[in-house]
Amino acid sequence: MKSTKFAFFLNKFFTVCLPSTRGCTPSTIDSYRYAFILFFSFMEEKNIPADEIEVSDLTYKLMLEFLTWLQEARNNSIATRNQRQAAINSFIRYLMYEFPDYLAEYQLILKIPVKKAMQKEISYMKTDGVKLLFEQVDTLAPSGLRDHAILTLLYTTGIRVSELINIKVKDISLSAPSTLLVHGKGQKRRYVPLIKEAVEVLQGYIAQFDLDSEKSLCEWLFKSHLKEKFTRQGINYVVKKYTGKAKAKDAELIPDGFSPHKLRHSTAMGLVDSGVDLIYIRDLLGHVSVKTTEVYAKADATRKREAIEAASKELVPTEIPEWENNSGLKEWLKNFNRPR
């Protein structure tokens, strides 16, 4: 079977450009890979098999159709659609240097704007909810001690699940000043301080599971009941297990659909409430830009404004608009700006 130029350069893009030239992480490459799998499905619906796609097929019109297909046929959210678009655009930028003849068309593709989604309200757990959550863990049981350590690290450091499951024993330093070495997004590493309470929990956990020996330094800090590295699904299960128990005791304190990422939101909102500078919160959470962190400050400002408005209703009497008792003014408003 004759290989097309599209297939040849897509192969180079995934095997050389992304991992070597750009140094992309396996998770980023996997995300791009799935975007192109969807693109192939889209092209097959147009009766163009994947092995027959040509570089000349990549047009502005086709990409608009593909993005529309993602939302309408695949029911992708705006955020997911934008992720797929970013993957396609990355490949288009790569092709620009290989096929300058198509430069004008590629520029049109890259000018397709990303869709803006409404900012969702941040869902998080307040202090009372966090306290109730931790009360559900039986720390006398070995698995409970492990789960307590998992929840403690998630809440006191605000790390991502992907970062939590990649912690090794050697990444923990419990001597003062206590720190955690986090392997974050884009292969970036950062040190996160550990508070006294977290240190005490980790000391108990490490001692209980015999992880304080020299031979254990390269082991994963948290393992499943199968003695294997935790997965995202495993951490999700742990969080949902205890939030479910807490919600059964007081549904108002636990937001619906609570997840590890919402626990991260809870950490950030708690820090904002305490008056911690956004720069420090950015560094703790591993955000590239403080603009990402500002969403928590905006959410906090919204809550404060709503609280002030709620309180002011009791202080300011309800006013009746002047025109309610003035028929002349009411008639004037009804006829105002009407064509004669």
C-alpha atoms as a PDB file:
ATOM      1  CA  MET A   1       0.000   0.000   0.000  1.00  0.00           C
ATOM      2  CA  LYS A   2       1.342   3.394  -0.975  1.00  0.00           C
ATOM      3  CA  SER A   3       2.031   5.670   1.986  1.00  0.00           C
ATOM      4  CA  THR A   4       0.621   9.183   1.710  1.00  0.00           C
ATOM      5  CA  LYS A   5       2.594  12.282   2.659  1.00  0.00           C
ATOM      6  CA  PHE A   6       0.014  12.924   5.366  1.00  0.00           C
ATOM      7  CA  ALA A   7       0.697   9.515   6.942  1.00  0.00           C
ATOM      8  CA  PHE A   8       4.464   9.957   6.646  1.00  0.00           C
ATOM      9  CA  PHE A   9       4.558  13.363   8.344  1.00  0.00           C
ATOM     10  CA  LEU A  10       1.960  12.444  10.965  1.00  0.00           C
ATOM     11  CA  ASN A  11       4.210   9.529  11.927  1.00  0.00           C
ATOM     12  CA  LYS A  12       7.219  11.876  12.191  1.00  0.00           C
ATOM     13  CA  PHE A  13       5.137  14.332  14.195  1.00  0.00           C
ATOM     14  CA  PHE A  14       4.295  11.690  16.812  1.00  0.00           C
ATOM     15  CA  THR A  15       7.573   9.769  16.903  1.00  0.00           C
ATOM     16  CA  VAL A  16      10.110  12.589  16.546  1.00  0.00           C
ATOM     17  CA  CYS A  17       8.631  16.083  16.825  1.00  0.00           C
ATOM     18  CA  LEU A  18       6.468  15.722  19.933  1.00  0.00           C
ATOM     19  CA  PRO A  19       8.694  13.515  22.133  1.00  0.00           C
ATOM     20  CA  SER A  20      12.137  14.703  21.020  1.00  0.00           C
ATOM     21  CA  THR A  21      11.955  18.161  19.446  1.00  0.00           C
ATOM     22  CA  ARG A  22       9.253  19.588  21.718  1.00  0.00           C
ATOM     23  CA  GLY A  23       9.807  17.322  24.725  1.00  0.00           C
ATOM     24  CA  CYS A  24       6.094  16.666  25.253  1.00  0.00           C
ATOM     25  CA  THR A  25       5.020  14.391  28.079  1.00  0.00           C
ATOM     26  CA  PRO A  26       3.398  10.981  27.367  1.00  0.00           C
ATOM     27  CA  SER A  27       0.033  12.341  28.572  1.00  0.00           C
ATOM     28  CA  THR A  28       0.194  15.242  26.088  1.00  0.00           C
ATOM     29  CA  ILE A  29       1.133  12.901  23.250  1.00  0.00           C
ATOM     30  CA  ASP A  30      -1.713  10.578  24.217  1.00  0.00           C
ATOM     31  CA  SER A  31      -4.163  13.503  24.152  1.00  0.00           C
ATOM     32  CA  TYR A  32      -2.967  14.472  20.665  1.00  0.00           C
ATOM     33  CA  ARG A  33      -3.179  10.855  19.537  1.00  0.00           C
ATOM     34  CA  TYR A  34      -6.844  10.638  20.545  1.00  0.00           C
ATOM     35  CA  ALA A  35      -7.601  13.906  18.727  1.00  0.00           C
ATOM     36  CA  PHE A  36      -6.365  12.367  15.480  1.00  0.00           C
ATOM     37  CA  ILE A  37      -8.267   9.145  16.092  1.00  0.00           C
ATOM     38  CA  LEU A  38     -11.404  11.298  16.199  1.00  0.00           C
ATOM     39  CA  PHE A  39     -10.278  13.122  13.064  1.00  0.00           C
ATOM     40  CA  PHE A  40      -9.964   9.774  11.265  1.00  0.00           C
ATOM     41  CA  SER A  41     -13.483   8.828  12.379  1.00  0.00           C
ATOM     42  CA  PHE A  42     -14.746  12.137  11.005  1.00  0.00           C
ATOM     43  CA  MET A  43     -12.992  11.573   7.666  1.00  0.00           C
ATOM     44  CA  GLU A  44     -14.343   8.015   7.414  1.00  0.00           C
ATOM     45  CA  GLU A  45     -17.861   9.439   7.680  1.00  0.00           C
ATOM     46  CA  LYS A  46     -16.942  11.497   4.617  1.00  0.00           C
ATOM     47  CA  ASN A  47     -15.880   8.229   2.907  1.00  0.00           C
ATOM     48  CA  ILE A  48     -12.161   9.053   3.130  1.00  0.00           C
ATOM     49  CA  PRO A  49     -10.259   6.253   4.923  1.00  0.00           C
ATOM     50  CA  ALA A  50      -7.354   7.239   7.183  1.00  0.00           C
ATOM     51  CA  ASP A  51      -4.752   5.750   4.837  1.00  0.00           C
ATOM     52  CA  GLU A  52      -6.059   7.844   1.932  1.00  0.00           C
ATOM     53  CA  ILE A  53      -5.958  11.258   3.593  1.00  0.00           C
ATOM     54  CA  GLU A  54      -3.678  13.680   1.762  1.00  0.00           C
ATOM     55  CA  VAL A  55      -1.957  16.810   3.047  1.00  0.00           C
ATOM     56  CA  SER A  56      -4.021  18.805   0.545  1.00  0.00           C
ATOM     57  CA  ASP A  57      -7.214  17.640   2.319  1.00  0.00           C
ATOM     58  CA  LEU A  58      -6.393  19.787   5.360  1.00  0.00           C
ATOM     59  CA  THR A  59      -8.356  22.903   4.513  1.00  0.00           C
ATOM     60  CA  TYR A  60      -9.986  25.705   6.463  1.00  0.00           C
ATOM     61  CA  LYS A  61     -13.448  24.483   5.435  1.00  0.00           C
ATOM     62  CA  LEU A  62     -12.691  20.881   6.484  1.00  0.00           C
ATOM     63  CA  MET A  63     -11.397  21.927   9.909  1.00  0.00           C
ATOM     64  CA  LEU A  64     -14.494  24.021  10.566  1.00  0.00           C
ATOM     65  CA  GLU A  65     -16.612  20.972   9.723  1.00  0.00           C
ATOM     66  CA  PHE A  66     -14.507  18.772  12.017  1.00  0.00           C
ATOM     67  CA  LEU A  67     -14.842  21.151  14.981  1.00  0.00           C
ATOM     68  CA  THR A  68     -18.595  21.387  14.426  1.00  0.00           C
ATOM     69  CA  TRP A  69     -18.775  17.577  14.211  1.00  0.00           C
ATOM     70  CA  LEU A  70     -16.988  17.265  17.567  1.00  0.00           C
ATOM     71  CA  GLN A  71     -19.642  19.323  19.293  1.00  0.00           C
ATOM     72  CA  GLU A  72     -22.740  18.180  17.455  1.00  0.00           C
ATOM     73  CA  ALA A  73     -22.037  14.515  16.639  1.00  0.00           C
ATOM     74  CA  ARG A  74     -19.696  13.703  19.528  1.00  0.00           C
ATOM     75  CA  ASN A  75     -21.302  16.047  22.081  1.00  0.00           C
ATOM     76  CA  ASN A  76     -17.876  17.331  23.122  1.00  0.00           C
ATOM     77  CA  SER A  77     -17.823  20.200  25.570  1.00  0.00           C
ATOM     78  CA  ILE A  78     -16.336  23.510  24.465  1.00  0.00           C
ATOM     79  CA  ALA A  79     -13.222  22.803  26.536  1.00  0.00           C
ATOM     80  CA  THR A  80     -12.746  19.374  24.930  1.00  0.00           C
ATOM     81  CA  ARG A  81     -13.342  20.814  21.459  1.00  0.00           C
ATOM     82  CA  ASN A  82     -10.662  23.416  22.107  1.00  0.00           C
ATOM     83  CA  GLN A  83      -8.227  20.700  23.226  1.00  0.00           C
ATOM     84  CA  ARG A  84      -8.768  18.789  19.973  1.00  0.00           C
ATOM     85  CA  GLN A  85      -8.326  22.011  18.017  1.00  0.00           C
ATOM     86  CA  ALA A  86      -5.015  22.676  19.801  1.00  0.00           C
ATOM     87  CA  ALA A  87      -3.753  19.221  18.785  1.00  0.00           C
ATOM     88  CA  ILE A  88      -4.678  19.775  15.130  1.00  0.00           C
ATOM     89  CA  ASN A  89      -3.131  23.259  15.160  1.00  0.00           C
ATOM     90  CA  SER A  90       0.106  21.862  16.540  1.00  0.00           C
ATOM     91  CA  PHE A  91       0.349  19.490  13.574  1.00  0.00           C
ATOM     92  CA  ILE A  92      -0.565  22.267  11.145  1.00  0.00           C
ATOM     93  CA  ARG A  93       2.289  24.421  12.489  1.00  0.00           C
ATOM     94  CA  TYR A  94       4.618  21.470  11.939  1.00  0.00           C
ATOM     95  CA  LEU A  95       3.423  21.077   8.321  1.00  0.00           C
ATOM     96  CA  MET A  96       3.913  24.779   7.561  1.00  0.00           C
ATOM     97  CA  TYR A  97       7.673  24.208   7.364  1.00  0.00           C
ATOM     98  CA  GLU A  98       7.308  21.084   5.227  1.00  0.00           C
ATOM     99  CA  PHE A  99       4.690  22.380   2.766  1.00  0.00           C
ATOM    100  CA  PRO A 100       5.069  26.149   2.272  1.00  0.00           C
ATOM    101  CA  ASP A 101       2.842  25.857  -0.815  1.00  0.00           C
ATOM    102  CA  TYR A 102      -0.118  25.413   1.528  1.00  0.00           C
ATOM    103  CA  LEU A 103       0.919  28.251   3.851  1.00  0.00           C
ATOM    104  CA  ALA A 104      -2.070  30.474   3.065  1.00  0.00           C
ATOM    105  CA  GLU A 105      -4.548  27.668   3.827  1.00  0.00           C
ATOM    106  CA  TYR A 106      -2.703  26.717   7.015  1.00  0.00           C
ATOM    107  CA  GLN A 107      -2.795  30.310   8.208  1.00  0.00           C
ATOM    108  CA  LEU A 108      -6.559  30.323   7.760  1.00  0.00           C
ATOM    109  CA  ILE A 109      -6.838  27.133   9.841  1.00  0.00           C
ATOM    110  CA  LEU A 110      -4.745  28.631  12.633  1.00  0.00           C
ATOM    111  CA  LYS A 111      -6.953  31.739  12.653  1.00  0.00           C
ATOM    112  CA  ILE A 112     -10.048  29.705  13.561  1.00  0.00           C
ATOM    113  CA  PRO A 113     -10.850  31.142  16.991  1.00  0.00           C
ATOM    114  CA  VAL A 114     -11.198  28.921  20.036  1.00  0.00           C
ATOM    115  CA  LYS A 115     -14.661  28.943  21.534  1.00  0.00           C
ATOM    116  CA  LYS A 116     -15.193  30.747  24.786  1.00  0.00           C
ATOM    117  CA  ALA A 117     -17.048  28.878  27.486  1.00  0.00           C
ATOM    118  CA  MET A 118     -18.834  30.444  30.411  1.00  0.00           C
ATOM    119  CA  GLN A 119     -16.736  30.277  33.560  1.00  0.00           C
ATOM    120  CA  LYS A 120     -18.253  27.632  35.785  1.00  0.00           C
ATOM    121  CA  GLU A 121     -18.783  28.382  39.428  1.00  0.00           C
ATOM    122  CA  ILE A 122     -16.003  26.815  41.465  1.00  0.00           C
ATOM    123  CA  SER A 123     -17.263  23.865  43.492  1.00  0.00           C
ATOM    124  CA  TYR A 124     -15.350  23.348  46.703  1.00  0.00           C
ATOM    125  CA  MET A 125     -15.685  22.205  50.291  1.00  0.00           C
ATOM    126  CA  LYS A 126     -15.599  24.617  53.210  1.00  0.00           C
ATOM    127  CA  THR A 127     -13.712  23.965  56.449  1.00  0.00           C
ATOM    128  CA  ASP A 128     -16.657  22.271  58.176  1.00  0.00           C
ATOM    129  CA  GLY A 129     -17.050  19.920  55.233  1.00  0.00           C
ATOM    130  CA  VAL A 130     -13.348  19.047  55.219  1.00  0.00           C
ATOM    131  CA  LYS A 131     -13.485  18.299  58.952  1.00  0.00           C
ATOM    132  CA  LEU A 132     -16.503  16.029  58.438  1.00  0.00           C
ATOM    133  CA  LEU A 133     -14.720  14.293  55.538  1.00  0.00           C
ATOM    134  CA  PHE A 134     -11.684  13.410  57.636  1.00  0.00           C
ATOM    135  CA  GLU A 135     -13.874  12.155  60.470  1.00  0.00           C
ATOM    136  CA  GLN A 136     -15.098   9.349  58.184  1.00  0.00           C
ATOM    137  CA  VAL A 137     -11.659   7.707  57.948  1.00  0.00           C
ATOM    138  CA  ASP A 138     -10.882   4.823  60.293  1.00  0.00           C
ATOM    139  CA  THR A 139      -7.178   5.451  60.947  1.00  0.00           C
ATOM    140  CA  LEU A 140      -6.913   2.298  63.100  1.00  0.00           C
ATOM    141  CA  ALA A 141      -7.227   0.140  59.986  1.00  0.00           C
ATOM    142  CA  PRO A 142      -4.130  -0.097  57.713  1.00  0.00           C
ATOM    143  CA  SER A 143      -6.110   0.937  54.627  1.00  0.00           C
ATOM    144  CA  GLY A 144      -7.682   3.759  56.615  1.00  0.00           C
ATOM    145  CA  LEU A 145      -4.249   5.018  57.664  1.00  0.00           C
ATOM    146  CA  ARG A 146      -3.191   5.038  54.011  1.00  0.00           C
ATOM    147  CA  ASP A 147      -6.392   6.788  52.895  1.00  0.00           C
ATOM    148  CA  HIS A 148      -5.975   9.368  55.647  1.00  0.00           C
ATOM    149  CA  ALA A 149      -2.454  10.104  54.383  1.00  0.00           C
ATOM    150  CA  ILE A 150      -3.752  10.406  50.808  1.00  0.00           C
ATOM    151  CA  LEU A 151      -6.509  12.849  51.773  1.00  0.00           C
ATOM    152  CA  THR A 152      -4.125  14.814  53.994  1.00  0.00           C
ATOM    153  CA  LEU A 153      -1.590  15.298  51.194  1.00  0.00           C
ATOM    154  CA  LEU A 154      -4.272  16.205  48.670  1.00  0.00           C
ATOM    155  CA  TYR A 155      -5.824  18.818  50.944  1.00  0.00           C
ATOM    156  CA  THR A 156      -2.770  20.352  52.626  1.00  0.00           C
ATOM    157  CA  THR A 157      -0.707  20.665  49.445  1.00  0.00           C
ATOM    158  CA  GLY A 158      -3.354  21.070  46.708  1.00  0.00           C
ATOM    159  CA  ILE A 159      -1.449  18.715  44.394  1.00  0.00           C
ATOM    160  CA  ARG A 160      -3.078  17.069  41.384  1.00  0.00           C
ATOM    161  CA  VAL A 161      -3.995  13.375  41.345  1.00  0.00           C
ATOM    162  CA  SER A 162      -1.414  12.770  38.600  1.00  0.00           C
ATOM    163  CA  GLU A 163       1.197  14.286  40.907  1.00  0.00           C
ATOM    164  CA  LEU A 164       0.069  12.340  43.956  1.00  0.00           C
ATOM    165  CA  ILE A 165       0.298   8.905  42.345  1.00  0.00           C
ATOM    166  CA  ASN A 166       3.838   9.642  41.102  1.00  0.00           C
ATOM    167  CA  ILE A 167       5.278  10.429  44.542  1.00  0.00           C
ATOM    168  CA  LYS A 168       8.052   8.130  45.648  1.00  0.00           C
ATOM    169  CA  VAL A 169       9.267   7.750  49.229  1.00  0.00           C
ATOM    170  CA  LYS A 170      12.481   9.608  48.400  1.00  0.00           C
ATOM    171  CA  ASP A 171      10.425  12.662  47.347  1.00  0.00           C
ATOM    172  CA  ILE A 172       9.356  13.193  50.975  1.00  0.00           C
ATOM    173  CA  SER A 173      11.628  15.074  53.378  1.00  0.00           C
ATOM    174  CA  LEU A 174      10.192  15.061  56.901  1.00  0.00           C
ATOM    175  CA  SER A 175      13.096  16.831  58.603  1.00  0.00           C
ATOM    176  CA  ALA A 176      12.709  20.589  59.068  1.00  0.00           C
ATOM    177  CA  PRO A 177      11.923  22.343  56.827  1.00  0.00           C
ATOM    178  CA  SER A 178       9.630  19.519  55.671  1.00  0.00           C
ATOM    179  CA  THR A 179       9.003  19.434  51.936  1.00  0.00           C
ATOM    180  CA  LEU A 180       7.524  17.340  49.159  1.00  0.00           C
ATOM    181  CA  LEU A 181       9.125  17.157  45.716  1.00  0.00           C
ATOM    182  CA  VAL A 182       6.278  17.223  43.194  1.00  0.00           C
ATOM    183  CA  HIS A 183       6.683  16.081  39.588  1.00  0.00           C
ATOM    184  CA  GLY A 184       4.194  18.354  37.862  1.00  0.00           C
ATOM    185  CA  LYS A 185       2.851  19.032  34.391  1.00  0.00           C
ATOM    186  CA  GLY A 186       5.286  19.397  31.529  1.00  0.00           C
ATOM    187  CA  GLN A 187       7.997  17.563  33.476  1.00  0.00           C
ATOM    188  CA  LYS A 188       8.326  20.550  35.802  1.00  0.00           C
ATOM    189  CA  ARG A 189       9.316  19.887  39.375  1.00  0.00           C
ATOM    190  CA  ARG A 190       8.541  22.005  42.415  1.00  0.00           C
ATOM    191  CA  TYR A 191       9.010  21.764  46.155  1.00  0.00           C
ATOM    192  CA  VAL A 192       5.891  22.077  48.287  1.00  0.00           C
ATOM    193  CA  PRO A 193       6.091  22.767  52.031  1.00  0.00           C
ATOM    194  CA  LEU A 194       4.494  20.271  54.404  1.00  0.00           C
ATOM    195  CA  ILE A 195       2.654  21.577  57.439  1.00  0.00           C
ATOM    196  CA  LYS A 196       3.171  20.036  60.878  1.00  0.00           C
ATOM    197  CA  GLU A 197      -0.093  18.049  60.794  1.00  0.00           C
ATOM    198  CA  ALA A 198       0.775  16.524  57.411  1.00  0.00           C
ATOM    199  CA  VAL A 199       4.251  15.571  58.649  1.00  0.00           C
ATOM    200  CA  GLU A 200       2.792  13.740  61.646  1.00  0.00           C
ATOM    201  CA  VAL A 201       0.337  11.829  59.458  1.00  0.00           C
ATOM    202  CA  LEU A 202       3.061  10.843  56.988  1.00  0.00           C
ATOM    203  CA  GLN A 203       5.433   9.762  59.772  1.00  0.00           C
ATOM    204  CA  GLY A 204       2.790   7.397  61.122  1.00  0.00           C
ATOM    205  CA  TYR A 205       1.964   6.072  57.656  1.00  0.00           C
ATOM    206  CA  ILE A 206       5.600   5.519  56.642  1.00  0.00           C
ATOM    207  CA  ALA A 207       6.401   3.732  59.903  1.00  0.00           C
ATOM    208  CA  GLN A 208       3.295   1.518  59.692  1.00  0.00           C
ATOM    209  CA  PHE A 209       4.079   0.381  56.136  1.00  0.00           C
ATOM    210  CA  ASP A 210       7.847  -0.035  56.691  1.00  0.00           C
ATOM    211  CA  LEU A 211       8.767   2.620  54.156  1.00  0.00           C
ATOM    212  CA  ASP A 212      11.494   4.204  56.299  1.00  0.00           C
ATOM    213  CA  SER A 213      14.293   1.884  55.189  1.00  0.00           C
ATOM    214  CA  GLU A 214      16.948   2.621  52.585  1.00  0.00           C
ATOM    215  CA  LYS A 215      15.579  -0.032  50.213  1.00  0.00           C
ATOM    216  CA  SER A 216      12.137   1.636  50.200  1.00  0.00           C
ATOM    217  CA  LEU A 217      13.323   5.030  48.932  1.00  0.00           C
ATOM    218  CA  CYS A 218      12.492   4.277  45.298  1.00  0.00           C
ATOM    219  CA  GLU A 219       9.098   2.717  46.044  1.00  0.00           C
ATOM    220  CA  TRP A 220       5.811   4.467  45.356  1.00  0.00           C
ATOM    221  CA  LEU A 221       4.572   6.280  48.455  1.00  0.00           C
ATOM    222  CA  PHE A 222       1.013   5.033  47.956  1.00  0.00           C
ATOM    223  CA  LYS A 223       0.091   1.584  46.692  1.00  0.00           C
ATOM    224  CA  SER A 224      -3.226  -0.128  46.084  1.00  0.00           C
ATOM    225  CA  HIS A 225      -4.369  -3.273  47.881  1.00  0.00           C
ATOM    226  CA  LEU A 226      -2.657  -5.186  45.062  1.00  0.00           C
ATOM    227  CA  LYS A 227       0.664  -3.608  46.121  1.00  0.00           C
ATOM    228  CA  GLU A 228       0.795  -1.728  42.840  1.00  0.00           C
ATOM    229  CA  LYS A 229       1.068   1.959  42.013  1.00  0.00           C
ATOM    230  CA  PHE A 230      -2.197   3.823  42.512  1.00  0.00           C
ATOM    231  CA  THR A 231      -4.147   4.858  39.434  1.00  0.00           C
ATOM    232  CA  ARG A 232      -6.315   7.944  38.949  1.00  0.00           C
ATOM    233  CA  GLN A 233      -9.358   5.729  39.291  1.00  0.00           C
ATOM    234  CA  GLY A 234      -8.054   4.399  42.595  1.00  0.00           C
ATOM    235  CA  ILE A 235      -7.633   7.873  44.072  1.00  0.00           C
ATOM    236  CA  ASN A 236     -11.064   8.883  42.757  1.00  0.00           C
ATOM    237  CA  TYR A 237     -12.521   5.849  44.510  1.00  0.00           C
ATOM    238  CA  VAL A 238     -10.879   6.789  47.824  1.00  0.00           C
ATOM    239  CA  VAL A 239     -12.148  10.383  47.688  1.00  0.00           C
ATOM    240  CA  LYS A 240     -15.665   9.398  46.642  1.00  0.00           C
ATOM    241  CA  LYS A 241     -15.820   6.678  49.299  1.00  0.00           C
ATOM    242  CA  TYR A 242     -15.349   9.119  52.174  1.00  0.00           C
ATOM    243  CA  THR A 243     -17.205  12.078  50.672  1.00  0.00           C
ATOM    244  CA  GLY A 244     -20.142   9.697  50.179  1.00  0.00           C
ATOM    245  CA  LYS A 245     -20.073   8.798  53.877  1.00  0.00           C
ATOM    246  CA  ALA A 246     -19.752  12.454  54.864  1.00  0.00           C
ATOM    247  CA  LYS A 247     -22.611  13.492  52.572  1.00  0.00           C
ATOM    248  CA  ALA A 248     -24.842  10.859  54.151  1.00  0.00           C
ATOM    249  CA  LYS A 249     -24.305  12.593  57.508  1.00  0.00           C
ATOM    250  CA  ASP A 250     -24.651  16.186  56.300  1.00  0.00           C
ATOM    251  CA  ALA A 251     -25.517  16.712  52.635  1.00  0.00           C
ATOM    252  CA  GLU A 252     -25.257  20.507  52.877  1.00  0.00           C
ATOM    253  CA  LEU A 253     -21.548  20.441  53.730  1.00  0.00           C
ATOM    254  CA  ILE A 254     -20.489  18.208  50.834  1.00  0.00           C
ATOM    255  CA  PRO A 255     -20.943  19.494  47.237  1.00  0.00           C
ATOM    256  CA  ASP A 256     -22.471  17.126  44.688  1.00  0.00           C
ATOM    257  CA  GLY A 257     -20.132  15.083  42.518  1.00  0.00           C
ATOM    258  CA  PHE A 258     -17.151  15.748  44.724  1.00  0.00           C
ATOM    259  CA  SER A 259     -13.785  14.762  43.232  1.00  0.00           C
ATOM    260  CA  PRO A 260     -10.059  15.035  43.988  1.00  0.00           C
ATOM    261  CA  HIS A 261      -9.872  18.135  41.784  1.00  0.00           C
ATOM    262  CA  LYS A 262     -12.579  19.790  43.866  1.00  0.00           C
ATOM    263  CA  LEU A 263     -10.470  19.015  46.917  1.00  0.00           C
ATOM    264  CA  ARG A 264      -7.724  21.000  45.172  1.00  0.00           C
ATOM    265  CA  HIS A 265     -10.218  23.837  44.722  1.00  0.00           C
ATOM    266  CA  SER A 266     -10.996  23.596  48.443  1.00  0.00           C
ATOM    267  CA  THR A 267      -7.309  24.033  49.259  1.00  0.00           C
ATOM    268  CA  ALA A 268      -7.008  27.094  47.031  1.00  0.00           C
ATOM    269  CA  MET A 269     -10.187  28.740  48.349  1.00  0.00           C
ATOM    270  CA  GLY A 270      -9.071  28.093  51.923  1.00  0.00           C
ATOM    271  CA  LEU A 271      -5.786  29.865  51.212  1.00  0.00           C
ATOM    272  CA  VAL A 272      -7.564  32.806  49.578  1.00  0.00           C
ATOM    273  CA  ASP A 273      -9.885  33.067  52.598  1.00  0.00           C
ATOM    274  CA  SER A 274      -6.812  33.176  54.839  1.00  0.00           C
ATOM    275  CA  GLY A 275      -5.386  36.095  52.869  1.00  0.00           C
ATOM    276  CA  VAL A 276      -2.451  34.227  51.312  1.00  0.00           C
ATOM    277  CA  ASP A 277      -0.909  36.086  48.351  1.00  0.00           C
ATOM    278  CA  LEU A 278      -1.895  34.729  44.914  1.00  0.00           C
ATOM    279  CA  ILE A 279       1.779  34.379  43.935  1.00  0.00           C
ATOM    280  CA  TYR A 280       2.329  31.858  46.750  1.00  0.00           C
ATOM    281  CA  ILE A 281      -0.877  30.012  45.876  1.00  0.00           C
ATOM    282  CA  ARG A 282       0.243  29.863  42.237  1.00  0.00           C
ATOM    283  CA  ASP A 283       3.573  28.317  43.233  1.00  0.00           C
ATOM    284  CA  LEU A 284       1.912  25.841  45.583  1.00  0.00           C
ATOM    285  CA  LEU A 285      -0.592  24.638  42.980  1.00  0.00           C
ATOM    286  CA  GLY A 286       1.967  24.580  40.170  1.00  0.00           C
ATOM    287  CA  HIS A 287       0.153  27.028  37.893  1.00  0.00           C
ATOM    288  CA  VAL A 288       2.220  28.417  35.019  1.00  0.00           C
ATOM    289  CA  SER A 289       0.617  31.842  35.305  1.00  0.00           C
ATOM    290  CA  VAL A 290      -0.983  33.719  38.177  1.00  0.00           C
ATOM    291  CA  LYS A 291      -3.893  34.416  35.786  1.00  0.00           C
ATOM    292  CA  THR A 292      -4.968  30.804  36.298  1.00  0.00           C
ATOM    293  CA  THR A 293      -4.896  31.323  40.068  1.00  0.00           C
ATOM    294  CA  GLU A 294      -6.914  34.545  39.868  1.00  0.00           C
ATOM    295  CA  VAL A 295     -10.105  32.532  39.316  1.00  0.00           C
ATOM    296  CA  TYR A 296     -10.082  31.696  43.044  1.00  0.00           C
ATOM    297  CA  ALA A 297      -9.706  35.344  44.028  1.00  0.00           C
ATOM    298  CA  LYS A 298     -12.597  36.272  41.731  1.00  0.00           C
ATOM    299  CA  ALA A 299     -14.756  33.528  43.232  1.00  0.00           C
ATOM    300  CA  ASP A 300     -13.898  34.799  46.713  1.00  0.00           C
ATOM    301  CA  ALA A 301     -14.792  38.373  45.713  1.00  0.00           C
ATOM    302  CA  THR A 302     -18.125  37.142  44.323  1.00  0.00           C
ATOM    303  CA  ARG A 303     -18.927  35.370  47.604  1.00  0.00           C
ATOM    304  CA  LYS A 304     -18.072  38.480  49.609  1.00  0.00           C
ATOM    305  CA  ARG A 305     -20.225  40.672  47.394  1.00  0.00           C
ATOM    306  CA  GLU A 306     -23.185  38.284  47.693  1.00  0.00           C
ATOM    307  CA  ALA A 307     -22.781  38.250  51.466  1.00  0.00           C
ATOM    308  CA  ILE A 308     -22.735  42.064  51.572  1.00  0.00           C
ATOM    309  CA  GLU A 309     -25.781  42.281  49.315  1.00  0.00           C
ATOM    310  CA  ALA A 310     -27.654  39.762  51.458  1.00  0.00           C
ATOM    311  CA  ALA A 311     -26.835  41.726  54.602  1.00  0.00           C
ATOM    312  CA  SER A 312     -27.739  45.056  53.008  1.00  0.00           C
ATOM    313  CA  LYS A 313     -31.263  43.847  52.248  1.00  0.00           C
ATOM    314  CA  GLU A 314     -31.967  43.953  55.955  1.00  0.00           C
ATOM    315  CA  LEU A 315     -30.603  47.489  56.277  1.00  0.00           C
ATOM    316  CA  VAL A 316     -32.003  49.161  53.169  1.00  0.00           C
ATOM    317  CA  PRO A 317     -35.818  49.400  52.923  1.00  0.00           C
ATOM    318  CA  THR A 318     -37.464  48.157  49.753  1.00  0.00           C
ATOM    319  CA  GLU A 319     -38.115  51.097  47.458  1.00  0.00           C
ATOM    320  CA  ILE A 320     -41.191  51.374  45.287  1.00  0.00           C
ATOM    321  CA  PRO A 321     -40.357  52.835  41.864  1.00  0.00           C
ATOM    322  CA  GLU A 322     -41.694  56.330  41.484  1.00  0.00           C
ATOM    323  CA  TRP A 323     -43.797  55.408  38.463  1.00  0.00           C
ATOM    324  CA  GLU A 324     -45.806  52.853  40.461  1.00  0.00           C
ATOM    325  CA  ASN A 325     -47.623  55.744  42.138  1.00  0.00           C
ATOM    326  CA  ASN A 326     -47.406  58.171  39.242  1.00  0.00           C
ATOM    327  CA  SER A 327     -49.710  57.296  36.373  1.00  0.00           C
ATOM    328  CA  GLY A 328     -48.435  60.193  34.300  1.00  0.00           C
ATOM    329  CA  LEU A 329     -44.822  58.986  34.471  1.00  0.00           C
ATOM    330  CA  LYS A 330     -45.912  55.410  33.797  1.00  0.00           C
ATOM    331  CA  GLU A 331     -47.768  56.434  30.646  1.00  0.00           C
ATOM    332  CA  TRP A 332     -44.772  58.483  29.539  1.00  0.00           C
ATOM    333  CA  LEU A 333     -42.482  55.444  29.901  1.00  0.00           C
ATOM    334  CA  LYS A 334     -44.906  53.235  27.992  1.00  0.00           C
ATOM    335  CA  ASN A 335     -44.875  55.621  25.051  1.00  0.00           C
ATOM    336  CA  PHE A 336     -41.221  56.546  25.275  1.00  0.00           C
ATOM    337  CA  ASN A 337     -39.188  55.879  22.086  1.00  0.00           C
ATOM    338  CA  ARG A 338     -42.184  54.452  20.233  1.00  0.00           C
ATOM    339  CA  PRO A 339     -42.486  55.297  16.543  1.00  0.00           C
ATOM    340  CA  ARG A 340     -45.144  57.891  15.925  1.00  0.00           C
END
